[in-house]
C-alpha atoms as a PDB file:
ATOM      1  CA  MET A   1      45.688 -29.212 -17.691  1.00  0.00           C
ATOM      2  CA  SER A   2      48.916 -27.289 -18.167  1.00  0.00           C
ATOM      3  CA  TRP A   3      50.931 -25.705 -15.409  1.00  0.00           C
ATOM      4  CA  PRO A   4      49.968 -22.046 -16.224  1.00  0.00           C
ATOM      5  CA  THR A   5      46.281 -23.022 -16.324  1.00  0.00           C
ATOM      6  CA  ARG A   6      46.485 -24.727 -12.910  1.00  0.00           C
ATOM      7  CA  ARG A   7      48.170 -21.651 -11.499  1.00  0.00           C
ATOM      8  CA  ARG A   8      45.435 -19.421 -12.891  1.00  0.00           C
ATOM      9  CA  HIS A   9      42.721 -21.681 -11.415  1.00  0.00           C
ATOM     10  CA  ARG A  10      44.435 -21.598  -8.010  1.00  0.00           C
ATOM     11  CA  ARG A  11      44.500 -17.767  -8.027  1.00  0.00           C
ATOM     12  CA  ILE A  12      40.817 -17.625  -9.001  1.00  0.00           C
ATOM     13  CA  ALA A  13      39.913 -20.092  -6.213  1.00  0.00           C
ATOM     14  CA  LEU A  14      41.821 -18.043  -3.610  1.00  0.00           C
ATOM     15  CA  ALA A  15      40.096 -14.860  -4.781  1.00  0.00           C
ATOM     16  CA  VAL A  16      36.652 -16.506  -4.529  1.00  0.00           C
ATOM     17  CA  VAL A  17      37.393 -17.750  -0.978  1.00  0.00           C
ATOM     18  CA  ALA A  18      38.662 -14.311   0.053  1.00  0.00           C
ATOM     19  CA  LEU A  19      35.570 -12.588  -1.354  1.00  0.00           C
ATOM     20  CA  ALA A  20      33.255 -15.150   0.265  1.00  0.00           C
ATOM     21  CA  THR A  21      34.709 -14.587   3.737  1.00  0.00           C
ATOM     22  CA  LEU A  22      34.741 -10.789   3.458  1.00  0.00           C
ATOM     23  CA  PRO A  23      31.089 -10.312   4.589  1.00  0.00           C
ATOM     24  CA  LEU A  24      31.693 -12.599   7.575  1.00  0.00           C
ATOM     25  CA  ALA A  25      34.702 -10.590   8.695  1.00  0.00           C
ATOM     26  CA  SER A  26      32.854  -7.280   8.377  1.00  0.00           C
ATOM     27  CA  CYS A  27      29.955  -8.542  10.564  1.00  0.00           C
ATOM     28  CA  ALA A  28      32.201  -9.110  13.552  1.00  0.00           C
ATOM     29  CA  ARG A  29      31.790  -6.429  16.188  1.00  0.00           C
ATOM     30  CA  PRO A  30      35.105  -4.719  17.003  1.00  0.00           C
ATOM     31  CA  ARG A  31      36.271  -5.076  20.590  1.00  0.00           C
ATOM     32  CA  PRO A  32      36.443  -1.881  22.614  1.00  0.00           C
ATOM     33  CA  PRO A  33      39.982  -0.969  23.611  1.00  0.00           C
ATOM     34  CA  ALA A  34      40.975  -2.231  27.044  1.00  0.00           C
ATOM     35  CA  LYS A  35      40.877   0.495  29.652  1.00  0.00           C
ATOM     36  CA  SER A  36      44.077   0.753  31.582  1.00  0.00           C
ATOM     37  CA  LYS A  37      45.666   3.297  33.817  1.00  0.00           C
ATOM     38  CA  PRO A  38      48.397   5.331  32.205  1.00  0.00           C
ATOM     39  CA  PRO A  39      51.817   4.161  33.377  1.00  0.00           C
ATOM     40  CA  ALA A  40      53.329   6.140  36.229  1.00  0.00           C
ATOM     41  CA  THR A  41      56.146   8.330  35.002  1.00  0.00           C
ATOM     42  CA  SER A  42      58.144  11.133  36.541  1.00  0.00           C
ATOM     43  CA  ALA A  43      55.727  13.572  34.869  1.00  0.00           C
ATOM     44  CA  ASN A  44      52.725  11.557  36.101  1.00  0.00           C
ATOM     45  CA  PRO A  45      53.543   9.981  39.496  1.00  0.00           C
ATOM     46  CA  PRO A  46      50.856   7.955  41.257  1.00  0.00           C
ATOM     47  CA  PRO A  47      48.627   9.796  43.739  1.00  0.00           C
ATOM     48  CA  LEU A  48      49.815   9.985  47.337  1.00  0.00           C
ATOM     49  CA  PRO A  49      48.205   7.357  49.593  1.00  0.00           C
ATOM     50  CA  SER A  50      46.031   8.330  52.516  1.00  0.00           C
ATOM     51  CA  PRO A  51      47.936   8.446  55.843  1.00  0.00           C
ATOM     52  CA  ALA A  52      45.334   6.063  57.295  1.00  0.00           C
ATOM     53  CA  ASN A  53      46.406   3.444  54.723  1.00  0.00           C
ATOM     54  CA  MET A  54      50.129   3.937  55.325  1.00  0.00           C
ATOM     55  CA  PRO A  55      51.917   1.293  57.387  1.00  0.00           C
ATOM     56  CA  GLN A  56      54.211   2.749  60.036  1.00  0.00           C
ATOM     57  CA  ALA A  57      52.464   6.133  59.829  1.00  0.00           C
ATOM     58  CA  ASP A  58      53.289   6.662  63.500  1.00  0.00           C
ATOM     59  CA  LEU A  59      56.991   6.581  62.477  1.00  0.00           C
ATOM     60  CA  GLY A  60      56.390   9.068  59.648  1.00  0.00           C
ATOM     61  CA  LEU A  61      56.808   6.663  56.716  1.00  0.00           C
ATOM     62  CA  LEU A  62      56.755   8.594  53.434  1.00  0.00           C
ATOM     63  CA  PRO A  63      55.875   7.176  50.009  1.00  0.00           C
ATOM     64  CA  VAL A  64      58.807   6.912  47.577  1.00  0.00           C
ATOM     65  CA  PHE A  65      58.405   6.864  43.789  1.00  0.00           C
ATOM     66  CA  VAL A  66      61.561   5.700  41.962  1.00  0.00           C
ATOM     67  CA  THR A  67      61.826   7.102  38.429  1.00  0.00           C
ATOM     68  CA  GLU A  68      65.284   5.797  37.539  1.00  0.00           C
ATOM     69  CA  GLN A  69      67.736   3.252  38.880  1.00  0.00           C
ATOM     70  CA  SER A  70      71.047   2.503  37.183  1.00  0.00           C
ATOM     71  CA  SER A  71      74.535   1.309  38.010  1.00  0.00           C
ATOM     72  CA  ASP A  72      77.980   1.790  36.507  1.00  0.00           C
ATOM     73  CA  GLY A  73      79.380  -1.192  38.440  1.00  0.00           C
ATOM     74  CA  ARG A  74      80.602   0.829  41.423  1.00  0.00           C
ATOM     75  CA  VAL A  75      77.741   3.201  42.185  1.00  0.00           C
ATOM     76  CA  ILE A  76      73.980   2.606  42.192  1.00  0.00           C
ATOM     77  CA  GLN A  77      72.172   5.772  41.134  1.00  0.00           C
ATOM     78  CA  VAL A  78      68.588   6.144  42.296  1.00  0.00           C
ATOM     79  CA  ARG A  79      66.369   9.047  41.228  1.00  0.00           C
ATOM     80  CA  GLY A  80      62.783   9.649  42.223  1.00  0.00           C
ATOM     81  CA  LEU A  81      60.322  11.531  44.394  1.00  0.00           C
ATOM     82  CA  ILE A  82      59.445  11.501  48.088  1.00  0.00           C
ATOM     83  CA  GLY A  83      55.882  12.536  48.898  1.00  0.00           C
ATOM     84  CA  ASN A  84      54.169  13.916  51.987  1.00  0.00           C
ATOM     85  CA  PRO A  85      50.634  12.493  52.395  1.00  0.00           C
ATOM     86  CA  TYR A  86      50.175  13.980  55.880  1.00  0.00           C
ATOM     87  CA  PRO A  87      48.165  17.138  56.666  1.00  0.00           C
ATOM     88  CA  GLU A  88      51.217  18.721  58.362  1.00  0.00           C
ATOM     89  CA  PRO A  89      54.457  19.742  56.624  1.00  0.00           C
ATOM     90  CA  VAL A  90      57.484  17.471  56.992  1.00  0.00           C
ATOM     91  CA  ASP A  91      60.889  18.851  57.987  1.00  0.00           C
ATOM     92  CA  GLY A  92      63.780  16.506  57.230  1.00  0.00           C
ATOM     93  CA  VAL A  93      63.785  13.003  55.765  1.00  0.00           C
ATOM     94  CA  ARG A  94      65.700   9.868  56.741  1.00  0.00           C
ATOM     95  CA  VAL A  95      66.280   7.486  53.823  1.00  0.00           C
ATOM     96  CA  ILE A  96      67.236   3.831  54.346  1.00  0.00           C
ATOM     97  CA  VAL A  97      68.380   1.741  51.375  1.00  0.00           C
ATOM     98  CA  ARG A  98      68.884  -1.978  51.892  1.00  0.00           C
ATOM     99  CA  ILE A  99      70.626  -4.065  49.220  1.00  0.00           C
ATOM    100  CA  LEU A 100      69.135  -7.549  49.292  1.00  0.00           C
ATOM    101  CA  LEU A 101      70.004 -11.046  48.083  1.00  0.00           C
ATOM    102  CA  ALA A 102      66.501 -11.658  46.683  1.00  0.00           C
ATOM    103  CA  PRO A 103      63.800  -9.253  45.476  1.00  0.00           C
ATOM    104  CA  ARG A 104      61.731  -9.511  48.696  1.00  0.00           C
ATOM    105  CA  SER A 105      61.727  -7.060  51.588  1.00  0.00           C
ATOM    106  CA  THR A 106      62.247  -9.987  53.992  1.00  0.00           C
ATOM    107  CA  SER A 107      65.348 -11.233  52.155  1.00  0.00           C
ATOM    108  CA  GLU A 108      68.850 -11.214  53.627  1.00  0.00           C
ATOM    109  CA  GLU A 109      70.506  -7.799  53.618  1.00  0.00           C
ATOM    110  CA  VAL A 110      74.034  -7.645  52.160  1.00  0.00           C
ATOM    111  CA  ASP A 111      74.612  -3.887  52.412  1.00  0.00           C
ATOM    112  CA  ARG A 112      72.900  -0.773  53.775  1.00  0.00           C
ATOM    113  CA  PHE A 113      72.976   2.940  53.010  1.00  0.00           C
ATOM    114  CA  GLN A 114      71.434   5.700  55.147  1.00  0.00           C
ATOM    115  CA  LYS A 115      71.125   9.407  54.500  1.00  0.00           C
ATOM    116  CA  GLU A 116      69.388  12.368  56.112  1.00  0.00           C
ATOM    117  CA  TYR A 117      67.964  15.159  53.957  1.00  0.00           C
ATOM    118  CA  ARG A 118      67.394  18.603  55.422  1.00  0.00           C
ATOM    119  CA  THR A 119      64.385  19.546  53.358  1.00  0.00           C
ATOM    120  CA  ARG A 120      60.838  20.757  53.889  1.00  0.00           C
ATOM    121  CA  ILE A 121      57.918  19.054  52.144  1.00  0.00           C
ATOM    122  CA  ALA A 122      54.555  20.798  52.299  1.00  0.00           C
ATOM    123  CA  SER A 123      51.391  18.737  52.780  1.00  0.00           C
ATOM    124  CA  GLY A 124      50.460  16.870  49.598  1.00  0.00           C
ATOM    125  CA  GLU A 125      53.691  17.855  47.827  1.00  0.00           C
ATOM    126  CA  ARG A 126      56.738  15.914  46.602  1.00  0.00           C
ATOM    127  CA  THR A 127      60.463  16.569  46.607  1.00  0.00           C
ATOM    128  CA  ALA A 128      63.276  15.134  44.527  1.00  0.00           C
ATOM    129  CA  LEU A 129      65.175  12.042  45.665  1.00  0.00           C
ATOM    130  CA  ARG A 130      68.719  11.720  44.385  1.00  0.00           C
ATOM    131  CA  LEU A 131      70.981   8.985  45.772  1.00  0.00           C
ATOM    132  CA  ASP A 132      74.412   7.820  44.635  1.00  0.00           C
ATOM    133  CA  ILE A 133      75.205   4.663  46.597  1.00  0.00           C
ATOM    134  CA  ARG A 134      78.803   3.448  46.448  1.00  0.00           C
ATOM    135  CA  THR A 135      78.808  -0.270  47.203  1.00  0.00           C
ATOM    136  CA  PRO A 136      80.744  -3.386  46.186  1.00  0.00           C
ATOM    137  CA  TYR A 137      77.367  -4.989  45.387  1.00  0.00           C
ATOM    138  CA  ALA A 138      76.527  -2.555  42.583  1.00  0.00           C
ATOM    139  CA  ARG A 139      77.537  -5.114  39.957  1.00  0.00           C
ATOM    140  CA  ALA A 140      77.023  -8.309  41.949  1.00  0.00           C
ATOM    141  CA  GLU A 141      75.166 -11.040  40.075  1.00  0.00           C
ATOM    142  CA  GLY A 142      73.596 -12.599  43.174  1.00  0.00           C
ATOM    143  CA  THR A 143      71.872  -9.512  44.559  1.00  0.00           C
ATOM    144  CA  GLY A 144      68.126  -9.216  44.139  1.00  0.00           C
ATOM    145  CA  GLY A 145      67.695  -5.476  44.236  1.00  0.00           C
ATOM    146  CA  ILE A 146      67.143  -2.665  46.675  1.00  0.00           C
ATOM    147  CA  PHE A 147      64.506  -1.904  49.291  1.00  0.00           C
ATOM    148  CA  LEU A 148      64.098   1.827  49.887  1.00  0.00           C
ATOM    149  CA  GLN A 149      62.208   3.539  52.721  1.00  0.00           C
ATOM    150  CA  ALA A 150      61.874   7.199  53.701  1.00  0.00           C
ATOM    151  CA  PHE A 151      60.786   8.514  57.100  1.00  0.00           C
ATOM    152  CA  ALA A 152      59.992  12.041  58.261  1.00  0.00           C
ATOM    153  CA  ILE A 153      62.243  13.517  60.967  1.00  0.00           C
ATOM    154  CA  ARG A 154      59.647  16.067  62.073  1.00  0.00           C
ATOM    155  CA  ARG A 155      55.960  16.273  61.135  1.00  0.00           C
ATOM    156  CA  GLY A 156      54.426  19.609  62.018  1.00  0.00           C
ATOM    157  CA  SER A 157      55.898  20.511  65.422  1.00  0.00           C
ATOM    158  CA  GLU A 158      56.357  16.869  66.524  1.00  0.00           C
ATOM    159  CA  TYR A 159      59.709  15.083  66.283  1.00  0.00           C
ATOM    160  CA  LEU A 160      59.152  11.463  65.261  1.00  0.00           C
ATOM    161  CA  PRO A 161      60.992   8.421  66.662  1.00  0.00           C
ATOM    162  CA  MET A 162      63.915   6.928  64.773  1.00  0.00           C
ATOM    163  CA  PRO A 163      62.987   4.234  62.237  1.00  0.00           C
ATOM    164  CA  PRO A 164      63.436   0.733  63.630  1.00  0.00           C
ATOM    165  CA  ASP A 165      66.285  -0.118  61.217  1.00  0.00           C
ATOM    166  CA  TRP A 166      68.196   3.175  61.672  1.00  0.00           C
ATOM    167  CA  ARG A 167      71.766   2.599  62.843  1.00  0.00           C
END
């Protein structure tokens, strides 16, 4: 058998195999698409948790949703939202940012940043969070990230105690 004839026979054999397996492939039932929650974005932040499920609710802990975190080597820029899950409005927010060696909240702290916001957040609403943190650890290779917490200064007519880590 010559080379062109063998080539032709190989093409015919591949076509026959492809046609023979076509009915088997069409009988397979397609899988339904996996249901997943849409990713949380700044346009679609996650719902606010119930105050009963919030740790440190007696201190006025507020949920924080970070939408962007970047660094230019000197300054860490954090953008996001602070929510109020409580039935009363919140007046004033204390923000604590801890820069850690490892990405765990119990890790060793290498730097800290604190800021008070004079803002009012109605019940169930959110307000913008905008932090520019100047630190020598903004570019450090050994740091594991940041741990950010926000606490209400006043909830309704009640002034809340200082957060335990406030200095």
